[in-house]
N, C-alpha and C. Protein backbone atom coordinates (compact mmCIF):
# COMPACT_ATOMS: atom_id res chain seq x y z
N MET A 1 -13.71 11.69 -4.68
CA MET A 1 -14.06 12.44 -3.50
C MET A 1 -13.66 13.88 -3.75
N GLY A 2 -14.59 14.80 -3.76
CA GLY A 2 -14.30 16.20 -3.97
C GLY A 2 -14.28 16.98 -2.67
N TRP A 3 -13.22 16.78 -1.90
CA TRP A 3 -13.09 17.50 -0.63
C TRP A 3 -12.00 18.55 -0.73
N LYS A 4 -12.26 19.67 -0.09
CA LYS A 4 -11.28 20.75 0.01
C LYS A 4 -11.19 21.16 1.47
N ILE A 5 -10.05 21.70 1.85
CA ILE A 5 -9.82 22.10 3.24
C ILE A 5 -9.84 23.62 3.33
N GLN A 6 -10.60 24.13 4.28
CA GLN A 6 -10.55 25.56 4.59
C GLN A 6 -9.69 25.70 5.84
N VAL A 7 -8.74 26.64 5.81
CA VAL A 7 -7.83 26.86 6.93
C VAL A 7 -8.11 28.21 7.53
N LYS A 8 -8.19 28.26 8.87
CA LYS A 8 -8.43 29.51 9.57
C LYS A 8 -7.73 29.44 10.93
N LYS A 9 -6.62 30.16 11.04
CA LYS A 9 -5.85 30.21 12.29
C LYS A 9 -5.53 28.83 12.84
N GLU A 10 -4.90 28.00 12.01
CA GLU A 10 -4.49 26.64 12.37
C GLU A 10 -5.65 25.73 12.75
N LYS A 11 -6.83 26.06 12.26
CA LYS A 11 -8.00 25.19 12.38
C LYS A 11 -8.44 24.85 10.95
N TYR A 12 -9.06 23.69 10.81
CA TYR A 12 -9.41 23.20 9.49
C TYR A 12 -10.85 22.71 9.48
N ARG A 13 -11.49 22.86 8.33
CA ARG A 13 -12.78 22.20 8.12
C ARG A 13 -12.85 21.74 6.67
N ILE A 14 -13.69 20.75 6.45
CA ILE A 14 -13.75 20.10 5.14
C ILE A 14 -15.00 20.54 4.39
N TYR A 15 -14.77 20.93 3.15
CA TYR A 15 -15.84 21.31 2.24
C TYR A 15 -15.97 20.22 1.18
N SER A 16 -17.19 19.76 0.94
CA SER A 16 -17.43 18.75 -0.09
C SER A 16 -18.00 19.42 -1.34
N THR A 17 -17.31 19.19 -2.47
CA THR A 17 -17.82 19.72 -3.73
C THR A 17 -18.96 18.85 -4.27
N VAL A 18 -19.12 17.67 -3.70
CA VAL A 18 -20.19 16.78 -4.13
C VAL A 18 -21.54 17.31 -3.66
N VAL A 19 -21.61 17.74 -2.39
CA VAL A 19 -22.87 18.25 -1.84
C VAL A 19 -22.85 19.77 -1.68
N ASP A 20 -21.76 20.40 -2.07
CA ASP A 20 -21.60 21.86 -2.01
C ASP A 20 -21.89 22.44 -0.64
N LYS A 21 -21.27 21.84 0.38
CA LYS A 21 -21.39 22.38 1.73
C LYS A 21 -20.27 21.84 2.60
N TYR A 22 -20.08 22.48 3.76
CA TYR A 22 -19.09 22.00 4.71
C TYR A 22 -19.64 20.76 5.40
N ILE A 23 -18.78 19.75 5.51
CA ILE A 23 -19.21 18.50 6.13
C ILE A 23 -18.55 18.29 7.49
N SER A 24 -17.84 19.30 7.97
CA SER A 24 -17.24 19.22 9.29
C SER A 24 -17.21 20.61 9.90
N LYS A 25 -17.02 20.63 11.19
CA LYS A 25 -16.80 21.89 11.90
C LYS A 25 -15.31 22.21 11.82
N PHE A 26 -14.89 23.36 12.31
CA PHE A 26 -13.46 23.64 12.39
C PHE A 26 -12.84 22.72 13.43
N MET A 27 -11.67 22.16 13.08
CA MET A 27 -10.99 21.20 13.94
C MET A 27 -9.50 21.50 13.97
N THR A 28 -8.86 21.00 15.02
CA THR A 28 -7.41 21.05 15.05
C THR A 28 -6.88 20.01 14.06
N LYS A 29 -5.57 20.04 13.83
CA LYS A 29 -4.96 19.06 12.93
C LYS A 29 -5.21 17.64 13.44
N ASP A 30 -5.03 17.41 14.73
CA ASP A 30 -5.24 16.07 15.28
C ASP A 30 -6.70 15.63 15.16
N GLU A 31 -7.63 16.54 15.38
CA GLU A 31 -9.06 16.21 15.22
C GLU A 31 -9.37 15.88 13.76
N LEU A 32 -8.77 16.62 12.84
CA LEU A 32 -8.99 16.36 11.42
C LEU A 32 -8.43 14.99 11.01
N ILE A 33 -7.25 14.66 11.51
CA ILE A 33 -6.66 13.35 11.22
C ILE A 33 -7.57 12.25 11.75
N SER A 34 -8.11 12.43 12.94
CA SER A 34 -9.04 11.45 13.52
C SER A 34 -10.30 11.34 12.66
N PHE A 35 -10.83 12.46 12.20
CA PHE A 35 -11.99 12.49 11.32
C PHE A 35 -11.71 11.68 10.04
N LEU A 36 -10.54 11.91 9.45
CA LEU A 36 -10.17 11.20 8.22
C LEU A 36 -9.98 9.71 8.48
N PHE A 37 -9.39 9.36 9.62
CA PHE A 37 -9.23 7.96 9.97
C PHE A 37 -10.58 7.27 9.99
N TRP A 38 -11.55 7.83 10.71
CA TRP A 38 -12.86 7.18 10.85
C TRP A 38 -13.59 7.11 9.51
N HIS A 39 -13.44 8.15 8.71
CA HIS A 39 -14.06 8.13 7.37
C HIS A 39 -13.48 6.97 6.55
N LYS A 40 -12.16 6.85 6.52
CA LYS A 40 -11.52 5.81 5.72
C LYS A 40 -11.75 4.42 6.33
N PHE A 41 -11.81 4.33 7.64
CA PHE A 41 -12.07 3.05 8.29
C PHE A 41 -13.47 2.55 7.94
N GLU A 42 -14.45 3.45 7.94
CA GLU A 42 -15.81 3.04 7.55
C GLU A 42 -15.88 2.61 6.09
N LYS A 43 -15.16 3.28 5.22
CA LYS A 43 -15.12 2.87 3.81
C LYS A 43 -14.48 1.49 3.69
N PHE A 44 -13.43 1.23 4.47
CA PHE A 44 -12.79 -0.08 4.48
C PHE A 44 -13.80 -1.15 4.88
N ILE A 45 -14.54 -0.91 5.97
CA ILE A 45 -15.54 -1.86 6.44
C ILE A 45 -16.61 -2.08 5.37
N GLN A 46 -17.07 -1.00 4.75
CA GLN A 46 -18.08 -1.13 3.70
C GLN A 46 -17.56 -1.97 2.54
N ASN A 47 -16.31 -1.77 2.14
CA ASN A 47 -15.73 -2.54 1.04
C ASN A 47 -15.66 -4.03 1.38
N ILE A 48 -15.24 -4.35 2.61
CA ILE A 48 -15.15 -5.75 3.04
C ILE A 48 -16.54 -6.37 3.04
N LEU A 49 -17.52 -5.68 3.61
CA LEU A 49 -18.89 -6.22 3.66
C LEU A 49 -19.48 -6.37 2.27
N GLU A 50 -19.23 -5.42 1.39
CA GLU A 50 -19.76 -5.52 0.03
C GLU A 50 -19.20 -6.75 -0.67
N ASP A 51 -17.89 -6.98 -0.54
CA ASP A 51 -17.29 -8.18 -1.15
C ASP A 51 -17.90 -9.44 -0.56
N ASP A 52 -18.05 -9.47 0.75
CA ASP A 52 -18.55 -10.67 1.42
C ASP A 52 -20.02 -10.95 1.06
N ILE A 53 -20.83 -9.93 1.01
CA ILE A 53 -22.26 -10.11 0.79
C ILE A 53 -22.60 -10.32 -0.69
N THR A 54 -21.94 -9.58 -1.57
CA THR A 54 -22.34 -9.60 -2.99
C THR A 54 -21.45 -10.46 -3.89
N PHE A 55 -20.42 -11.10 -3.32
CA PHE A 55 -19.53 -11.93 -4.14
C PHE A 55 -20.35 -12.97 -4.92
N PRO A 56 -20.08 -13.19 -6.20
CA PRO A 56 -18.95 -12.81 -7.04
C PRO A 56 -19.21 -11.58 -7.90
N ASN A 57 -20.11 -10.72 -7.47
CA ASN A 57 -20.50 -9.57 -8.27
C ASN A 57 -19.29 -8.76 -8.75
N GLY A 58 -19.24 -8.52 -10.06
CA GLY A 58 -18.20 -7.70 -10.65
C GLY A 58 -16.96 -8.46 -11.10
N TRP A 59 -16.79 -9.69 -10.66
CA TRP A 59 -15.64 -10.50 -11.07
C TRP A 59 -15.88 -11.06 -12.48
N THR A 60 -14.78 -11.27 -13.21
CA THR A 60 -14.85 -11.85 -14.55
C THR A 60 -14.52 -13.33 -14.47
N ASN A 61 -15.37 -14.15 -15.08
CA ASN A 61 -15.15 -15.59 -15.14
C ASN A 61 -14.01 -15.86 -16.11
N LYS A 62 -12.97 -16.54 -15.65
CA LYS A 62 -11.78 -16.79 -16.47
C LYS A 62 -12.10 -17.59 -17.72
N GLU A 63 -12.96 -18.60 -17.61
CA GLU A 63 -13.25 -19.45 -18.76
C GLU A 63 -14.13 -18.76 -19.80
N THR A 64 -15.14 -18.03 -19.34
CA THR A 64 -16.09 -17.43 -20.27
C THR A 64 -15.81 -15.98 -20.58
N GLU A 65 -14.94 -15.35 -19.79
CA GLU A 65 -14.64 -13.92 -19.91
C GLU A 65 -15.87 -13.04 -19.67
N LYS A 66 -16.91 -13.62 -19.10
CA LYS A 66 -18.12 -12.86 -18.80
C LYS A 66 -18.08 -12.37 -17.37
N ARG A 67 -18.64 -11.21 -17.21
CA ARG A 67 -18.72 -10.62 -15.87
C ARG A 67 -19.81 -11.33 -15.08
N MET A 68 -19.53 -11.64 -13.81
CA MET A 68 -20.49 -12.32 -12.95
C MET A 68 -21.25 -11.31 -12.10
N PHE A 69 -22.46 -11.67 -11.76
CA PHE A 69 -23.31 -10.80 -10.96
C PHE A 69 -23.93 -11.58 -9.81
N CYS A 70 -24.37 -10.86 -8.80
CA CYS A 70 -25.15 -11.48 -7.72
C CYS A 70 -26.60 -11.02 -7.89
N ASP A 71 -27.49 -11.63 -7.15
CA ASP A 71 -28.89 -11.22 -7.29
C ASP A 71 -29.12 -9.88 -6.59
N LYS A 72 -30.17 -9.19 -7.02
CA LYS A 72 -30.48 -7.85 -6.50
C LYS A 72 -30.69 -7.87 -4.99
N GLY A 73 -31.20 -8.96 -4.47
CA GLY A 73 -31.44 -9.07 -3.04
C GLY A 73 -30.17 -8.89 -2.22
N LYS A 74 -29.05 -9.36 -2.76
CA LYS A 74 -27.76 -9.21 -2.06
C LYS A 74 -27.33 -7.75 -2.03
N HIS A 75 -27.56 -7.01 -3.11
CA HIS A 75 -27.26 -5.58 -3.11
C HIS A 75 -28.14 -4.86 -2.10
N ASP A 76 -29.42 -5.20 -2.07
CA ASP A 76 -30.34 -4.58 -1.11
C ASP A 76 -29.90 -4.88 0.32
N GLU A 77 -29.49 -6.13 0.57
CA GLU A 77 -29.01 -6.51 1.90
C GLU A 77 -27.82 -5.64 2.31
N PHE A 78 -26.87 -5.47 1.39
CA PHE A 78 -25.69 -4.67 1.67
C PHE A 78 -26.05 -3.21 1.94
N TYR A 79 -26.86 -2.61 1.06
CA TYR A 79 -27.19 -1.19 1.23
C TYR A 79 -28.03 -0.93 2.48
N ASN A 80 -28.89 -1.86 2.84
CA ASN A 80 -29.64 -1.71 4.09
C ASN A 80 -28.73 -1.82 5.30
N LEU A 81 -27.73 -2.67 5.21
CA LEU A 81 -26.80 -2.85 6.31
C LEU A 81 -25.97 -1.60 6.57
N ILE A 82 -25.48 -0.96 5.53
CA ILE A 82 -24.59 0.19 5.74
C ILE A 82 -25.35 1.47 6.09
N LYS A 83 -26.68 1.45 6.04
CA LYS A 83 -27.47 2.61 6.46
C LYS A 83 -27.40 2.82 7.97
N ASP A 84 -27.20 1.74 8.71
CA ASP A 84 -27.17 1.79 10.16
C ASP A 84 -25.73 1.53 10.61
N ARG A 85 -25.05 2.56 11.06
CA ARG A 85 -23.63 2.46 11.40
C ARG A 85 -23.37 1.37 12.45
N LYS A 86 -24.18 1.33 13.50
CA LYS A 86 -23.98 0.33 14.56
C LYS A 86 -24.16 -1.08 14.01
N LEU A 87 -25.20 -1.28 13.22
CA LEU A 87 -25.45 -2.58 12.61
C LEU A 87 -24.30 -2.96 11.68
N MET A 88 -23.80 -2.00 10.92
CA MET A 88 -22.69 -2.24 10.00
C MET A 88 -21.45 -2.69 10.76
N TYR A 89 -21.10 -1.98 11.83
CA TYR A 89 -19.93 -2.35 12.63
C TYR A 89 -20.10 -3.74 13.23
N ASN A 90 -21.25 -3.99 13.82
CA ASN A 90 -21.48 -5.30 14.44
C ASN A 90 -21.40 -6.42 13.42
N GLU A 91 -21.97 -6.22 12.24
CA GLU A 91 -21.92 -7.23 11.19
C GLU A 91 -20.48 -7.47 10.74
N PHE A 92 -19.71 -6.42 10.61
CA PHE A 92 -18.31 -6.54 10.23
C PHE A 92 -17.56 -7.38 11.26
N PHE A 93 -17.69 -7.04 12.54
CA PHE A 93 -16.96 -7.77 13.58
C PHE A 93 -17.44 -9.22 13.67
N ASN A 94 -18.73 -9.46 13.50
CA ASN A 94 -19.24 -10.83 13.52
C ASN A 94 -18.70 -11.66 12.34
N ARG A 95 -18.68 -11.05 11.16
CA ARG A 95 -18.19 -11.77 9.98
C ARG A 95 -16.69 -12.04 10.09
N MET A 96 -15.94 -11.11 10.67
CA MET A 96 -14.51 -11.34 10.88
C MET A 96 -14.31 -12.49 11.87
N LYS A 97 -15.12 -12.50 12.92
CA LYS A 97 -15.04 -13.57 13.92
C LYS A 97 -15.33 -14.92 13.27
N ASP A 98 -16.34 -14.96 12.39
CA ASP A 98 -16.69 -16.20 11.68
C ASP A 98 -15.52 -16.70 10.81
N LEU A 99 -14.68 -15.78 10.36
CA LEU A 99 -13.51 -16.14 9.54
C LEU A 99 -12.29 -16.47 10.40
N GLY A 100 -12.46 -16.40 11.73
CA GLY A 100 -11.34 -16.68 12.62
C GLY A 100 -10.45 -15.49 12.86
N ILE A 101 -10.95 -14.30 12.56
CA ILE A 101 -10.17 -13.07 12.75
C ILE A 101 -10.76 -12.33 13.94
N SER A 102 -9.94 -12.09 14.94
CA SER A 102 -10.40 -11.38 16.13
C SER A 102 -9.95 -9.92 16.05
N ILE A 103 -10.92 -9.03 16.08
CA ILE A 103 -10.63 -7.61 16.00
C ILE A 103 -11.31 -6.92 17.16
N SER A 104 -10.59 -6.01 17.79
CA SER A 104 -11.17 -5.22 18.87
C SER A 104 -10.86 -3.76 18.59
N LEU A 105 -11.84 -2.92 18.75
CA LEU A 105 -11.65 -1.50 18.51
C LEU A 105 -12.06 -0.76 19.77
N LYS A 106 -11.06 -0.30 20.53
CA LYS A 106 -11.32 0.34 21.82
C LYS A 106 -10.61 1.69 21.88
N ASN A 107 -11.17 2.58 22.69
CA ASN A 107 -10.50 3.86 22.88
C ASN A 107 -9.52 3.75 24.04
N ASP A 108 -8.90 4.88 24.39
CA ASP A 108 -7.88 4.85 25.45
C ASP A 108 -8.46 4.58 26.84
N LYS A 109 -9.79 4.57 26.97
CA LYS A 109 -10.45 4.24 28.22
C LYS A 109 -10.96 2.78 28.21
N ASN A 110 -10.50 2.00 27.21
CA ASN A 110 -10.84 0.60 27.06
C ASN A 110 -12.33 0.36 26.78
N ILE A 111 -12.98 1.33 26.16
CA ILE A 111 -14.39 1.23 25.81
C ILE A 111 -14.49 0.78 24.36
N ASN A 112 -15.27 -0.27 24.10
CA ASN A 112 -15.47 -0.73 22.73
C ASN A 112 -16.13 0.37 21.91
N LEU A 113 -15.55 0.68 20.78
CA LEU A 113 -16.08 1.73 19.92
C LEU A 113 -17.07 1.21 18.89
N HIS A 114 -17.21 -0.10 18.77
CA HIS A 114 -18.12 -0.64 17.78
C HIS A 114 -19.45 -1.07 18.39
N ASN A 115 -19.62 -0.91 19.68
CA ASN A 115 -20.91 -1.26 20.32
C ASN A 115 -21.64 -0.03 20.78
């Protein structure tokens, strides 16, 4: 991740060296921390969904020492899912529920943030 921070009078914005442009507006420190939380939380969700959908892709078989792959359709399913943020969140929460894990993501006004 090639991110840099520009500071201006105790306000911050993020510059990406990957796309060579600013990817945020100027924010306070608390707003920036919130921005980083949501960015990392979405990456966490994407990693969980990728493992769940494409498993055993990338794992090495202990007996054969060969790398295992999933079919291309599973990769397509994953990439189509993460294109739509709402769909991605709903799929994550549904898959967690199927595993017996109850997760709720609400703001301070008790509003679900994943719907």
